[in-house]
Amino acid sequence: MEECAKAAWSVRQLERQINTMYYQRILASQDKIAVANEIQTTEPKPEYEKIVKDPYVMEFLQIQPDTHVYEGDLEQALIDHLQHFLLELGRGFSFVARQKRFTLDGQDFFIDLVFYNYILKCFVLIDLKMGKLTHQDLGQMQMYVNYYTREMMNEGDTQPIGIVLCADKGDSIVKYTLPEDNHQIFASKYFTYLPSEEELKRELNVKEFHKKE
């Protein structure tokens, strides 16, 4: 579990590491770096998966379980702990703006948080949702991404990525709202505290954990 979190393996990468007995091999190997890097050749992650997590754990906000907060409060807490949030987001992120405003047909729209990832060379737009994800949330993010694609991209940029950070989500909503070849819009759950063993079981769809002393 520690190695998976440190290396940020995808599900496919984790499955391959288990099936090829990675743990045993790296313990026995004289060249541990080569064994650790092997997965990036045998089962490389798509570029967008290198920066999009699910879930995000933001216990640094020190919000207790079952505590009601508003989206604006959560956004302010993330700004107050921006350094920790950047570390949780992953590699290559820089902060651009909060409540980024743009106007279409006389109507104002506001993107909660905007970042730029210098590894992928793209804008990353984040919308915060306190409740369960809806198809309207994904549609709204699609509009934000379309706007940035057509109006805000600079020469040499790749297409923007949009992440809807929500307290809960149904995989079917995501599957049938977004196109099958989607590489730009993502929905990720967030925890404001370290999840319990039961919550991790549900997230990983694992029936049984075996604790090691």
C-alpha atoms as a PDB file:
ATOM      1  CA  MET A   1       0.000   0.000   0.000  1.00  0.00           C
ATOM      2  CA  GLU A   2       2.825   2.397   0.848  1.00  0.00           C
ATOM      3  CA  GLU A   3       4.604   1.700  -2.443  1.00  0.00           C
ATOM      4  CA  CYS A   4       1.378   2.112  -4.431  1.00  0.00           C
ATOM      5  CA  ALA A   5       0.687   5.494  -2.801  1.00  0.00           C
ATOM      6  CA  LYS A   6       4.277   6.680  -3.247  1.00  0.00           C
ATOM      7  CA  ALA A   7       4.483   5.658  -6.906  1.00  0.00           C
ATOM      8  CA  ALA A   8       0.874   6.699  -7.710  1.00  0.00           C
ATOM      9  CA  TRP A   9       0.169   3.529  -9.666  1.00  0.00           C
ATOM     10  CA  SER A  10      -2.998   3.281 -11.711  1.00  0.00           C
ATOM     11  CA  VAL A  11      -5.357   0.351 -11.141  1.00  0.00           C
ATOM     12  CA  ARG A  12      -3.902  -1.477 -14.168  1.00  0.00           C
ATOM     13  CA  GLN A  13      -0.376  -0.880 -12.908  1.00  0.00           C
ATOM     14  CA  LEU A  14      -1.263  -2.125  -9.421  1.00  0.00           C
ATOM     15  CA  GLU A  15      -2.854  -5.269 -10.866  1.00  0.00           C
ATOM     16  CA  ARG A  16       0.264  -5.939 -12.931  1.00  0.00           C
ATOM     17  CA  GLN A  17       2.566  -5.416  -9.950  1.00  0.00           C
ATOM     18  CA  ILE A  18       0.543  -7.907  -7.911  1.00  0.00           C
ATOM     19  CA  ASN A  19       0.395 -10.462 -10.733  1.00  0.00           C
ATOM     20  CA  THR A  20       4.136 -10.243 -11.383  1.00  0.00           C
ATOM     21  CA  MET A  21       4.996 -10.504  -7.656  1.00  0.00           C
ATOM     22  CA  TYR A  22       6.595  -7.053  -7.578  1.00  0.00           C
ATOM     23  CA  TYR A  23       6.993  -7.034  -3.797  1.00  0.00           C
ATOM     24  CA  GLN A  24       8.943 -10.276  -3.734  1.00  0.00           C
ATOM     25  CA  ARG A  25      11.026  -9.306  -6.774  1.00  0.00           C
ATOM     26  CA  ILE A  26      12.094  -5.938  -5.433  1.00  0.00           C
ATOM     27  CA  LEU A  27      13.114  -7.470  -2.104  1.00  0.00           C
ATOM     28  CA  ALA A  28      15.267 -10.036  -3.887  1.00  0.00           C
ATOM     29  CA  SER A  29      16.720  -7.721  -6.530  1.00  0.00           C
ATOM     30  CA  GLN A  30      20.176  -6.162  -6.442  1.00  0.00           C
ATOM     31  CA  ASP A  31      18.969  -3.369  -8.770  1.00  0.00           C
ATOM     32  CA  LYS A  32      15.857  -2.085  -7.013  1.00  0.00           C
ATOM     33  CA  ILE A  33      15.654   1.091  -9.128  1.00  0.00           C
ATOM     34  CA  ALA A  34      15.399  -0.922 -12.344  1.00  0.00           C
ATOM     35  CA  VAL A  35      12.627  -3.109 -10.888  1.00  0.00           C
ATOM     36  CA  ALA A  36      10.759  -0.045  -9.606  1.00  0.00           C
ATOM     37  CA  ASN A  37      10.953   1.689 -13.007  1.00  0.00           C
ATOM     38  CA  GLU A  38       9.992  -1.397 -14.994  1.00  0.00           C
ATOM     39  CA  ILE A  39       6.232  -0.708 -14.708  1.00  0.00           C
ATOM     40  CA  GLN A  40       6.516   2.557 -16.656  1.00  0.00           C
ATOM     41  CA  THR A  41       7.637   0.526 -19.699  1.00  0.00           C
ATOM     42  CA  THR A  42       5.489  -2.589 -19.337  1.00  0.00           C
ATOM     43  CA  GLU A  43       2.258  -0.801 -18.333  1.00  0.00           C
ATOM     44  CA  PRO A  44       2.649   2.978 -18.833  1.00  0.00           C
ATOM     45  CA  LYS A  45      -0.158   5.229 -17.660  1.00  0.00           C
ATOM     46  CA  PRO A  46      -1.931   7.534 -20.123  1.00  0.00           C
ATOM     47  CA  GLU A  47      -0.569  11.051 -19.757  1.00  0.00           C
ATOM     48  CA  TYR A  48      -3.726  12.453 -18.155  1.00  0.00           C
ATOM     49  CA  GLU A  49      -3.751   9.692 -15.498  1.00  0.00           C
ATOM     50  CA  LYS A  50      -0.344  10.850 -14.349  1.00  0.00           C
ATOM     51  CA  ILE A  51      -1.860  13.954 -12.760  1.00  0.00           C
ATOM     52  CA  VAL A  52      -5.499  13.057 -11.964  1.00  0.00           C
ATOM     53  CA  LYS A  53      -6.092  11.192  -8.707  1.00  0.00           C
ATOM     54  CA  ASP A  54      -9.198   9.538  -7.303  1.00  0.00           C
ATOM     55  CA  PRO A  55      -9.731   9.997  -4.433  1.00  0.00           C
ATOM     56  CA  TYR A  56      -7.935  13.033  -3.044  1.00  0.00           C
ATOM     57  CA  VAL A  57      -7.239  12.971   0.705  1.00  0.00           C
ATOM     58  CA  MET A  58      -7.183  16.434   2.260  1.00  0.00           C
ATOM     59  CA  GLU A  59      -6.886  15.722   5.980  1.00  0.00           C
ATOM     60  CA  PHE A  60      -4.616  18.772   6.254  1.00  0.00           C
ATOM     61  CA  LEU A  61      -7.814  20.876   6.251  1.00  0.00           C
ATOM     62  CA  GLN A  62      -8.549  19.437   9.716  1.00  0.00           C
ATOM     63  CA  ILE A  63     -12.282  19.154   8.988  1.00  0.00           C
ATOM     64  CA  GLN A  64     -13.850  16.523  11.210  1.00  0.00           C
ATOM     65  CA  PRO A  65     -16.013  13.738   9.738  1.00  0.00           C
ATOM     66  CA  ASP A  66     -19.731  14.564   9.398  1.00  0.00           C
ATOM     67  CA  THR A  67     -19.019  18.294   9.738  1.00  0.00           C
ATOM     68  CA  HIS A  68     -21.159  20.373   7.369  1.00  0.00           C
ATOM     69  CA  VAL A  69     -19.244  22.951   5.341  1.00  0.00           C
ATOM     70  CA  TYR A  70     -20.223  25.032   2.342  1.00  0.00           C
ATOM     71  CA  GLU A  71     -18.400  24.971  -0.984  1.00  0.00           C
ATOM     72  CA  GLY A  72     -17.073  28.485  -0.367  1.00  0.00           C
ATOM     73  CA  ASP A  73     -15.693  27.406   3.026  1.00  0.00           C
ATOM     74  CA  LEU A  74     -13.975  24.412   1.439  1.00  0.00           C
ATOM     75  CA  GLU A  75     -12.491  26.597  -1.289  1.00  0.00           C
ATOM     76  CA  GLN A  76     -11.175  29.098   1.289  1.00  0.00           C
ATOM     77  CA  ALA A  77      -9.685  26.271   3.357  1.00  0.00           C
ATOM     78  CA  LEU A  78      -7.863  24.937   0.287  1.00  0.00           C
ATOM     79  CA  ILE A  79      -6.483  28.397  -0.470  1.00  0.00           C
ATOM     80  CA  ASP A  80      -5.390  28.777   3.169  1.00  0.00           C
ATOM     81  CA  HIS A  81      -3.553  25.446   2.873  1.00  0.00           C
ATOM     82  CA  LEU A  82      -2.451  25.910  -0.735  1.00  0.00           C
ATOM     83  CA  GLN A  83       1.002  24.393  -0.265  1.00  0.00           C
ATOM     84  CA  HIS A  84      -0.487  21.185   1.157  1.00  0.00           C
ATOM     85  CA  PHE A  85      -3.138  21.108  -1.576  1.00  0.00           C
ATOM     86  CA  LEU A  86      -0.480  21.411  -4.296  1.00  0.00           C
ATOM     87  CA  LEU A  87       1.365  18.467  -2.769  1.00  0.00           C
ATOM     88  CA  GLU A  88      -1.840  16.410  -2.741  1.00  0.00           C
ATOM     89  CA  LEU A  89      -2.568  17.295  -6.372  1.00  0.00           C
ATOM     90  CA  GLY A  90       0.776  15.834  -7.402  1.00  0.00           C
ATOM     91  CA  ARG A  91       3.726  16.839  -9.564  1.00  0.00           C
ATOM     92  CA  GLY A  92       4.012  19.924 -11.728  1.00  0.00           C
ATOM     93  CA  PHE A  93       1.124  22.081 -10.470  1.00  0.00           C
ATOM     94  CA  SER A  94       1.206  25.853 -10.108  1.00  0.00           C
ATOM     95  CA  PHE A  95      -1.669  28.002  -8.875  1.00  0.00           C
ATOM     96  CA  VAL A  96      -3.258  30.412 -11.377  1.00  0.00           C
ATOM     97  CA  ALA A  97      -6.548  31.760 -10.018  1.00  0.00           C
ATOM     98  CA  ARG A  98      -9.596  31.230  -7.824  1.00  0.00           C
ATOM     99  CA  GLN A  99     -13.143  32.113  -8.911  1.00  0.00           C
ATOM    100  CA  LYS A 100     -11.859  32.739 -12.440  1.00  0.00           C
ATOM    101  CA  ARG A 101     -14.556  34.781 -14.163  1.00  0.00           C
ATOM    102  CA  PHE A 102     -15.567  34.724 -17.806  1.00  0.00           C
ATOM    103  CA  THR A 103     -18.681  36.020 -19.531  1.00  0.00           C
ATOM    104  CA  LEU A 104     -20.783  34.399 -22.264  1.00  0.00           C
ATOM    105  CA  ASP A 105     -23.872  36.094 -23.738  1.00  0.00           C
ATOM    106  CA  GLY A 106     -23.953  38.527 -20.834  1.00  0.00           C
ATOM    107  CA  GLN A 107     -23.881  35.781 -18.205  1.00  0.00           C
ATOM    108  CA  ASP A 108     -20.975  35.470 -15.773  1.00  0.00           C
ATOM    109  CA  PHE A 109     -19.417  32.108 -14.932  1.00  0.00           C
ATOM    110  CA  PHE A 110     -16.860  31.360 -12.241  1.00  0.00           C
ATOM    111  CA  ILE A 111     -14.363  28.481 -12.148  1.00  0.00           C
ATOM    112  CA  ASP A 112     -13.534  27.657  -8.538  1.00  0.00           C
ATOM    113  CA  LEU A 113      -9.807  26.978  -8.958  1.00  0.00           C
ATOM    114  CA  VAL A 114      -7.436  27.137 -11.930  1.00  0.00           C
ATOM    115  CA  PHE A 115      -3.982  25.562 -12.000  1.00  0.00           C
ATOM    116  CA  TYR A 116      -1.361  25.000 -14.677  1.00  0.00           C
ATOM    117  CA  ASN A 117       0.585  21.753 -14.932  1.00  0.00           C
ATOM    118  CA  TYR A 118       3.982  22.392 -16.486  1.00  0.00           C
ATOM    119  CA  ILE A 119       4.671  18.682 -17.054  1.00  0.00           C
ATOM    120  CA  LEU A 120       1.645  18.178 -19.303  1.00  0.00           C
ATOM    121  CA  LYS A 121       1.692  21.855 -20.359  1.00  0.00           C
ATOM    122  CA  CYS A 122      -2.012  22.373 -19.767  1.00  0.00           C
ATOM    123  CA  PHE A 123      -4.490  24.275 -17.626  1.00  0.00           C
ATOM    124  CA  VAL A 124      -6.252  22.219 -14.948  1.00  0.00           C
ATOM    125  CA  LEU A 125      -9.684  23.499 -13.919  1.00  0.00           C
ATOM    126  CA  ILE A 126     -11.208  22.376 -10.620  1.00  0.00           C
ATOM    127  CA  ASP A 127     -14.828  22.727  -9.523  1.00  0.00           C
ATOM    128  CA  LEU A 128     -15.803  21.889  -5.937  1.00  0.00           C
ATOM    129  CA  LYS A 129     -19.081  20.120  -5.163  1.00  0.00           C
ATOM    130  CA  MET A 130     -20.197  19.357  -1.616  1.00  0.00           C
ATOM    131  CA  GLY A 131     -22.896  16.852  -2.561  1.00  0.00           C
ATOM    132  CA  LYS A 132     -23.174  13.900  -4.889  1.00  0.00           C
ATOM    133  CA  LEU A 133     -22.025  14.368  -8.471  1.00  0.00           C
ATOM    134  CA  THR A 134     -24.716  15.125 -11.089  1.00  0.00           C
ATOM    135  CA  HIS A 135     -24.616  15.096 -14.872  1.00  0.00           C
ATOM    136  CA  GLN A 136     -25.154  18.872 -14.753  1.00  0.00           C
ATOM    137  CA  ASP A 137     -21.852  19.218 -12.852  1.00  0.00           C
ATOM    138  CA  LEU A 138     -20.031  17.367 -15.631  1.00  0.00           C
ATOM    139  CA  GLY A 139     -21.808  19.398 -18.308  1.00  0.00           C
ATOM    140  CA  GLN A 140     -20.785  22.629 -16.598  1.00  0.00           C
ATOM    141  CA  MET A 141     -17.160  21.489 -16.447  1.00  0.00           C
ATOM    142  CA  GLN A 142     -17.338  20.535 -20.127  1.00  0.00           C
ATOM    143  CA  MET A 143     -18.300  24.137 -20.909  1.00  0.00           C
ATOM    144  CA  TYR A 144     -15.398  25.459 -18.811  1.00  0.00           C
ATOM    145  CA  VAL A 145     -12.937  23.169 -20.610  1.00  0.00           C
ATOM    146  CA  ASN A 146     -14.345  24.135 -24.015  1.00  0.00           C
ATOM    147  CA  TYR A 147     -13.925  27.815 -23.152  1.00  0.00           C
ATOM    148  CA  TYR A 148     -10.310  27.351 -22.067  1.00  0.00           C
ATOM    149  CA  THR A 149      -9.605  25.212 -25.132  1.00  0.00           C
ATOM    150  CA  ARG A 150     -10.858  27.868 -27.543  1.00  0.00           C
ATOM    151  CA  GLU A 151      -9.974  31.088 -25.734  1.00  0.00           C
ATOM    152  CA  MET A 152      -7.197  30.594 -23.179  1.00  0.00           C
ATOM    153  CA  MET A 153      -4.737  28.028 -24.547  1.00  0.00           C
ATOM    154  CA  ASN A 154      -1.293  29.357 -25.377  1.00  0.00           C
ATOM    155  CA  GLU A 155       0.962  28.190 -28.187  1.00  0.00           C
ATOM    156  CA  GLY A 156       2.469  24.837 -27.249  1.00  0.00           C
ATOM    157  CA  ASP A 157      -0.220  24.022 -24.674  1.00  0.00           C
ATOM    158  CA  THR A 158      -2.055  20.713 -24.652  1.00  0.00           C
ATOM    159  CA  GLN A 159      -5.816  20.606 -24.131  1.00  0.00           C
ATOM    160  CA  PRO A 160      -7.079  21.660 -20.691  1.00  0.00           C
ATOM    161  CA  ILE A 161      -8.224  19.144 -18.099  1.00  0.00           C
ATOM    162  CA  GLY A 162     -11.276  19.620 -15.889  1.00  0.00           C
ATOM    163  CA  ILE A 163     -11.697  17.904 -12.506  1.00  0.00           C
ATOM    164  CA  VAL A 164     -14.966  17.958 -10.576  1.00  0.00           C
ATOM    165  CA  LEU A 165     -14.028  17.328  -6.941  1.00  0.00           C
ATOM    166  CA  CYS A 166     -17.103  15.951  -5.209  1.00  0.00           C
ATOM    167  CA  ALA A 167     -18.050  14.411  -1.873  1.00  0.00           C
ATOM    168  CA  ASP A 168     -19.616  11.420  -3.629  1.00  0.00           C
ATOM    169  CA  LYS A 169     -20.038  10.146  -7.165  1.00  0.00           C
ATOM    170  CA  GLY A 170     -21.664   7.349  -9.095  1.00  0.00           C
ATOM    171  CA  ASP A 171     -19.553   5.707 -11.764  1.00  0.00           C
ATOM    172  CA  SER A 172     -22.588   5.262 -14.038  1.00  0.00           C
ATOM    173  CA  ILE A 173     -23.241   9.033 -14.113  1.00  0.00           C
ATOM    174  CA  VAL A 174     -19.659   9.605 -15.236  1.00  0.00           C
ATOM    175  CA  LYS A 175     -19.736   6.735 -17.744  1.00  0.00           C
ATOM    176  CA  TYR A 176     -22.904   7.790 -19.543  1.00  0.00           C
ATOM    177  CA  THR A 177     -22.440  11.569 -19.363  1.00  0.00           C
ATOM    178  CA  LEU A 178     -18.947  11.686 -20.836  1.00  0.00           C
ATOM    179  CA  PRO A 179     -17.922  10.304 -24.250  1.00  0.00           C
ATOM    180  CA  GLU A 180     -16.049   6.991 -24.334  1.00  0.00           C
ATOM    181  CA  ASP A 181     -12.884   8.633 -25.673  1.00  0.00           C
ATOM    182  CA  ASN A 182     -12.914  11.331 -22.967  1.00  0.00           C
ATOM    183  CA  HIS A 183      -9.458  12.459 -21.861  1.00  0.00           C
ATOM    184  CA  GLN A 184     -10.334  15.907 -20.521  1.00  0.00           C
ATOM    185  CA  ILE A 185     -13.142  15.713 -17.936  1.00  0.00           C
ATOM    186  CA  PHE A 186     -12.754  13.783 -14.682  1.00  0.00           C
ATOM    187  CA  ALA A 187     -14.700  13.354 -11.479  1.00  0.00           C
ATOM    188  CA  SER A 188     -12.808  12.530  -8.286  1.00  0.00           C
ATOM    189  CA  LYS A 189     -13.963  12.022  -4.739  1.00  0.00           C
ATOM    190  CA  TYR A 190     -12.303  13.838  -1.895  1.00  0.00           C
ATOM    191  CA  PHE A 191     -11.898  12.971   1.751  1.00  0.00           C
ATOM    192  CA  THR A 192     -11.333  15.724   4.316  1.00  0.00           C
ATOM    193  CA  TYR A 193      -9.974  13.080   6.678  1.00  0.00           C
ATOM    194  CA  LEU A 194      -8.038   9.843   6.318  1.00  0.00           C
ATOM    195  CA  PRO A 195     -10.567   7.194   5.219  1.00  0.00           C
ATOM    196  CA  SER A 196     -11.312   4.246   7.457  1.00  0.00           C
ATOM    197  CA  GLU A 197     -10.560   0.655   6.475  1.00  0.00           C
ATOM    198  CA  GLU A 198     -14.217   0.138   5.524  1.00  0.00           C
ATOM    199  CA  GLU A 199     -14.177   3.221   3.275  1.00  0.00           C
ATOM    200  CA  LEU A 200     -10.962   2.044   1.616  1.00  0.00           C
ATOM    201  CA  LYS A 201     -12.569  -1.348   0.987  1.00  0.00           C
ATOM    202  CA  ARG A 202     -15.483   0.318  -0.780  1.00  0.00           C
ATOM    203  CA  GLU A 203     -13.214   2.645  -2.790  1.00  0.00           C
ATOM    204  CA  LEU A 204     -10.935  -0.167  -3.935  1.00  0.00           C
ATOM    205  CA  ASN A 205     -13.783  -2.666  -4.328  1.00  0.00           C
ATOM    206  CA  VAL A 206     -11.834  -5.112  -2.200  1.00  0.00           C
ATOM    207  CA  LYS A 207     -13.822  -7.709  -0.286  1.00  0.00           C
ATOM    208  CA  GLU A 208     -11.168  -8.472   2.245  1.00  0.00           C
ATOM    209  CA  PHE A 209      -8.045  -6.887   3.712  1.00  0.00           C
ATOM    210  CA  HIS A 210      -5.379  -8.890   5.527  1.00  0.00           C
ATOM    211  CA  LYS A 211      -3.436  -6.851   8.027  1.00  0.00           C
ATOM    212  CA  LYS A 212       0.296  -7.471   8.357  1.00  0.00           C
ATOM    213  CA  GLU A 213       2.017  -6.968  11.674  1.00  0.00           C
END
